[in-house]
């Protein structure tokens, strides 16, 4: 019985360390190989939205196409496909106009006076 417990104390951490090491090695290799030979990835997740705890919508860009997929427990389902949009440029709004041309509740009170 003592021999069994001694083997368990020695081998259980060893097995755990091997499992942890293999996961870390797999992550490192996946990061190294995942980018491909050119250094850029061909698949990019543009946007995701959770619809429910088991259902997610995702827009994936792949070779110049945007693909709308639903991800559920049953797997992925392609819903729609369209050409990729150009890189989105943030829209900068113009500064708010001041003076008598601005409309709003403050102007209505100012006109009554």
C-alpha atoms as a PDB file:
ATOM      1  CA  UNK A   1       0.000   0.000   0.000  1.00  0.00           C
ATOM      2  CA  UNK A   2       2.838   2.388   0.826  1.00  0.00           C
ATOM      3  CA  UNK A   3       4.473   1.627  -2.524  1.00  0.00           C
ATOM      4  CA  UNK A   4       1.239   2.536  -4.349  1.00  0.00           C
ATOM      5  CA  UNK A   5       0.913   5.878  -2.535  1.00  0.00           C
ATOM      6  CA  UNK A   6       4.574   6.702  -3.186  1.00  0.00           C
ATOM      7  CA  UNK A   7       4.153   6.014  -6.920  1.00  0.00           C
ATOM      8  CA  UNK A   8       0.987   8.114  -6.948  1.00  0.00           C
ATOM      9  CA  UNK A   9       2.733  11.049  -5.247  1.00  0.00           C
ATOM     10  CA  UNK A  10       5.588  10.926  -7.783  1.00  0.00           C
ATOM     11  CA  UNK A  11       3.720  10.157 -11.008  1.00  0.00           C
ATOM     12  CA  UNK A  12       0.618  12.321 -10.637  1.00  0.00           C
ATOM     13  CA  UNK A  13       2.525  15.655 -10.639  1.00  0.00           C
ATOM     14  CA  UNK A  14       4.733  14.314 -13.436  1.00  0.00           C
ATOM     15  CA  UNK A  15       1.697  13.550 -15.609  1.00  0.00           C
ATOM     16  CA  UNK A  16       0.218  16.979 -14.815  1.00  0.00           C
ATOM     17  CA  UNK A  17       3.492  18.708 -15.744  1.00  0.00           C
ATOM     18  CA  UNK A  18       3.640  16.783 -19.039  1.00  0.00           C
ATOM     19  CA  UNK A  19       0.052  17.762 -19.896  1.00  0.00           C
ATOM     20  CA  UNK A  20       0.713  21.434 -19.063  1.00  0.00           C
ATOM     21  CA  UNK A  21       3.957  21.412 -21.046  1.00  0.00           C
ATOM     22  CA  UNK A  22       2.322  19.865 -24.097  1.00  0.00           C
ATOM     23  CA  UNK A  23      -0.449  22.506 -24.024  1.00  0.00           C
ATOM     24  CA  UNK A  24       2.094  25.336 -23.811  1.00  0.00           C
ATOM     25  CA  UNK A  25       4.126  23.772 -26.616  1.00  0.00           C
ATOM     26  CA  UNK A  26       1.002  23.426 -28.775  1.00  0.00           C
ATOM     27  CA  UNK A  27       0.083  27.097 -28.171  1.00  0.00           C
ATOM     28  CA  UNK A  28       3.580  28.223 -29.131  1.00  0.00           C
ATOM     29  CA  UNK A  29       3.617  26.116 -32.287  1.00  0.00           C
ATOM     30  CA  UNK A  30       0.116  27.247 -33.269  1.00  0.00           C
ATOM     31  CA  UNK A  31       1.109  30.904 -32.913  1.00  0.00           C
ATOM     32  CA  UNK A  32       4.250  30.321 -34.961  1.00  0.00           C
ATOM     33  CA  UNK A  33       2.577  28.343 -37.764  1.00  0.00           C
ATOM     34  CA  UNK A  34      -0.804  30.138 -37.663  1.00  0.00           C
ATOM     35  CA  UNK A  35       0.412  33.250 -39.476  1.00  0.00           C
ATOM     36  CA  UNK A  36       1.486  31.235 -42.524  1.00  0.00           C
ATOM     37  CA  UNK A  37       4.528  31.726 -44.695  1.00  0.00           C
ATOM     38  CA  UNK A  38       3.692  35.289 -45.747  1.00  0.00           C
ATOM     39  CA  UNK A  39       3.320  36.519 -42.190  1.00  0.00           C
ATOM     40  CA  UNK A  40      -0.311  37.601 -42.596  1.00  0.00           C
ATOM     41  CA  UNK A  41      -3.403  35.643 -41.717  1.00  0.00           C
ATOM     42  CA  UNK A  42      -5.955  34.893 -44.416  1.00  0.00           C
ATOM     43  CA  UNK A  43      -8.874  34.692 -41.965  1.00  0.00           C
ATOM     44  CA  UNK A  44      -9.906  37.658 -39.833  1.00  0.00           C
ATOM     45  CA  UNK A  45     -12.865  37.951 -37.475  1.00  0.00           C
ATOM     46  CA  UNK A  46     -14.445  41.327 -38.222  1.00  0.00           C
ATOM     47  CA  UNK A  47     -17.275  41.355 -35.688  1.00  0.00           C
ATOM     48  CA  UNK A  48     -19.136  38.999 -33.340  1.00  0.00           C
ATOM     49  CA  UNK A  49     -22.487  39.278 -31.592  1.00  0.00           C
ATOM     50  CA  UNK A  50     -23.979  36.988 -28.960  1.00  0.00           C
ATOM     51  CA  UNK A  51     -27.646  36.262 -29.645  1.00  0.00           C
ATOM     52  CA  UNK A  52     -28.079  33.815 -26.779  1.00  0.00           C
ATOM     53  CA  UNK A  53     -25.786  31.788 -24.518  1.00  0.00           C
ATOM     54  CA  UNK A  54     -25.597  29.078 -27.175  1.00  0.00           C
ATOM     55  CA  UNK A  55     -25.794  31.152 -30.391  1.00  0.00           C
ATOM     56  CA  UNK A  56     -23.321  33.670 -31.797  1.00  0.00           C
ATOM     57  CA  UNK A  57     -23.197  35.567 -35.091  1.00  0.00           C
ATOM     58  CA  UNK A  58     -19.812  36.349 -36.596  1.00  0.00           C
ATOM     59  CA  UNK A  59     -18.578  38.197 -39.660  1.00  0.00           C
ATOM     60  CA  UNK A  60     -15.409  36.571 -40.987  1.00  0.00           C
ATOM     61  CA  UNK A  61     -13.211  38.059 -43.701  1.00  0.00           C
ATOM     62  CA  UNK A  62     -11.616  35.434 -45.938  1.00  0.00           C
ATOM     63  CA  UNK A  63      -9.814  36.109 -49.248  1.00  0.00           C
ATOM     64  CA  UNK A  64     -11.567  39.428 -49.884  1.00  0.00           C
ATOM     65  CA  UNK A  65     -15.019  38.163 -48.923  1.00  0.00           C
ATOM     66  CA  UNK A  66     -17.035  38.782 -45.767  1.00  0.00           C
ATOM     67  CA  UNK A  67     -18.955  35.742 -44.611  1.00  0.00           C
ATOM     68  CA  UNK A  68     -21.749  35.889 -42.018  1.00  0.00           C
ATOM     69  CA  UNK A  69     -21.849  32.681 -39.966  1.00  0.00           C
ATOM     70  CA  UNK A  70     -23.798  31.494 -36.961  1.00  0.00           C
ATOM     71  CA  UNK A  71     -21.941  29.490 -34.355  1.00  0.00           C
ATOM     72  CA  UNK A  72     -23.947  27.157 -32.148  1.00  0.00           C
ATOM     73  CA  UNK A  73     -23.534  23.846 -30.392  1.00  0.00           C
ATOM     74  CA  UNK A  74     -24.238  22.140 -33.724  1.00  0.00           C
ATOM     75  CA  UNK A  75     -21.333  23.889 -35.455  1.00  0.00           C
ATOM     76  CA  UNK A  76     -20.998  26.722 -37.964  1.00  0.00           C
ATOM     77  CA  UNK A  77     -23.621  27.639 -40.540  1.00  0.00           C
ATOM     78  CA  UNK A  78     -22.914  30.054 -43.393  1.00  0.00           C
ATOM     79  CA  UNK A  79     -25.751  32.573 -43.586  1.00  0.00           C
ATOM     80  CA  UNK A  80     -24.572  35.146 -46.139  1.00  0.00           C
ATOM     81  CA  UNK A  81     -21.571  36.228 -48.162  1.00  0.00           C
ATOM     82  CA  UNK A  82     -20.568  39.591 -49.637  1.00  0.00           C
ATOM     83  CA  UNK A  83     -17.485  41.353 -50.975  1.00  0.00           C
ATOM     84  CA  UNK A  84     -15.275  42.763 -48.225  1.00  0.00           C
ATOM     85  CA  UNK A  85     -15.839  46.389 -47.339  1.00  0.00           C
ATOM     86  CA  UNK A  86     -13.028  48.904 -47.610  1.00  0.00           C
ATOM     87  CA  UNK A  87     -11.151  49.642 -44.393  1.00  0.00           C
ATOM     88  CA  UNK A  88     -13.504  51.669 -42.264  1.00  0.00           C
ATOM     89  CA  UNK A  89     -12.431  55.239 -41.606  1.00  0.00           C
ATOM     90  CA  UNK A  90     -13.773  56.810 -38.404  1.00  0.00           C
ATOM     91  CA  UNK A  91     -16.287  59.532 -39.167  1.00  0.00           C
ATOM     92  CA  UNK A  92     -15.392  62.857 -37.588  1.00  0.00           C
ATOM     93  CA  UNK A  93     -18.416  65.050 -37.017  1.00  0.00           C
ATOM     94  CA  UNK A  94     -18.248  68.778 -37.634  1.00  0.00           C
ATOM     95  CA  UNK A  95     -18.178  71.037 -34.583  1.00  0.00           C
ATOM     96  CA  UNK A  96     -21.589  72.160 -33.407  1.00  0.00           C
ATOM     97  CA  UNK A  97     -22.769  75.450 -34.828  1.00  0.00           C
ATOM     98  CA  UNK A  98     -23.140  78.317 -32.394  1.00  0.00           C
ATOM     99  CA  UNK A  99     -25.301  81.369 -32.541  1.00  0.00           C
ATOM    100  CA  UNK A 100     -28.778  81.942 -33.937  1.00  0.00           C
ATOM    101  CA  UNK A 101     -28.561  79.160 -36.558  1.00  0.00           C
ATOM    102  CA  UNK A 102     -28.285  76.376 -33.978  1.00  0.00           C
ATOM    103  CA  UNK A 103     -31.591  74.663 -33.267  1.00  0.00           C
ATOM    104  CA  UNK A 104     -32.643  73.183 -29.971  1.00  0.00           C
ATOM    105  CA  UNK A 105     -34.528  73.907 -26.735  1.00  0.00           C
ATOM    106  CA  UNK A 106     -32.157  76.721 -25.751  1.00  0.00           C
ATOM    107  CA  UNK A 107     -32.926  78.634 -28.958  1.00  0.00           C
ATOM    108  CA  UNK A 108     -36.667  78.283 -28.481  1.00  0.00           C
ATOM    109  CA  UNK A 109     -36.386  79.965 -25.100  1.00  0.00           C
ATOM    110  CA  UNK A 110     -34.069  82.622 -26.491  1.00  0.00           C
ATOM    111  CA  UNK A 111     -36.484  83.453 -29.357  1.00  0.00           C
ATOM    112  CA  UNK A 112     -39.371  83.964 -26.929  1.00  0.00           C
ATOM    113  CA  UNK A 113     -37.484  86.598 -24.932  1.00  0.00           C
END
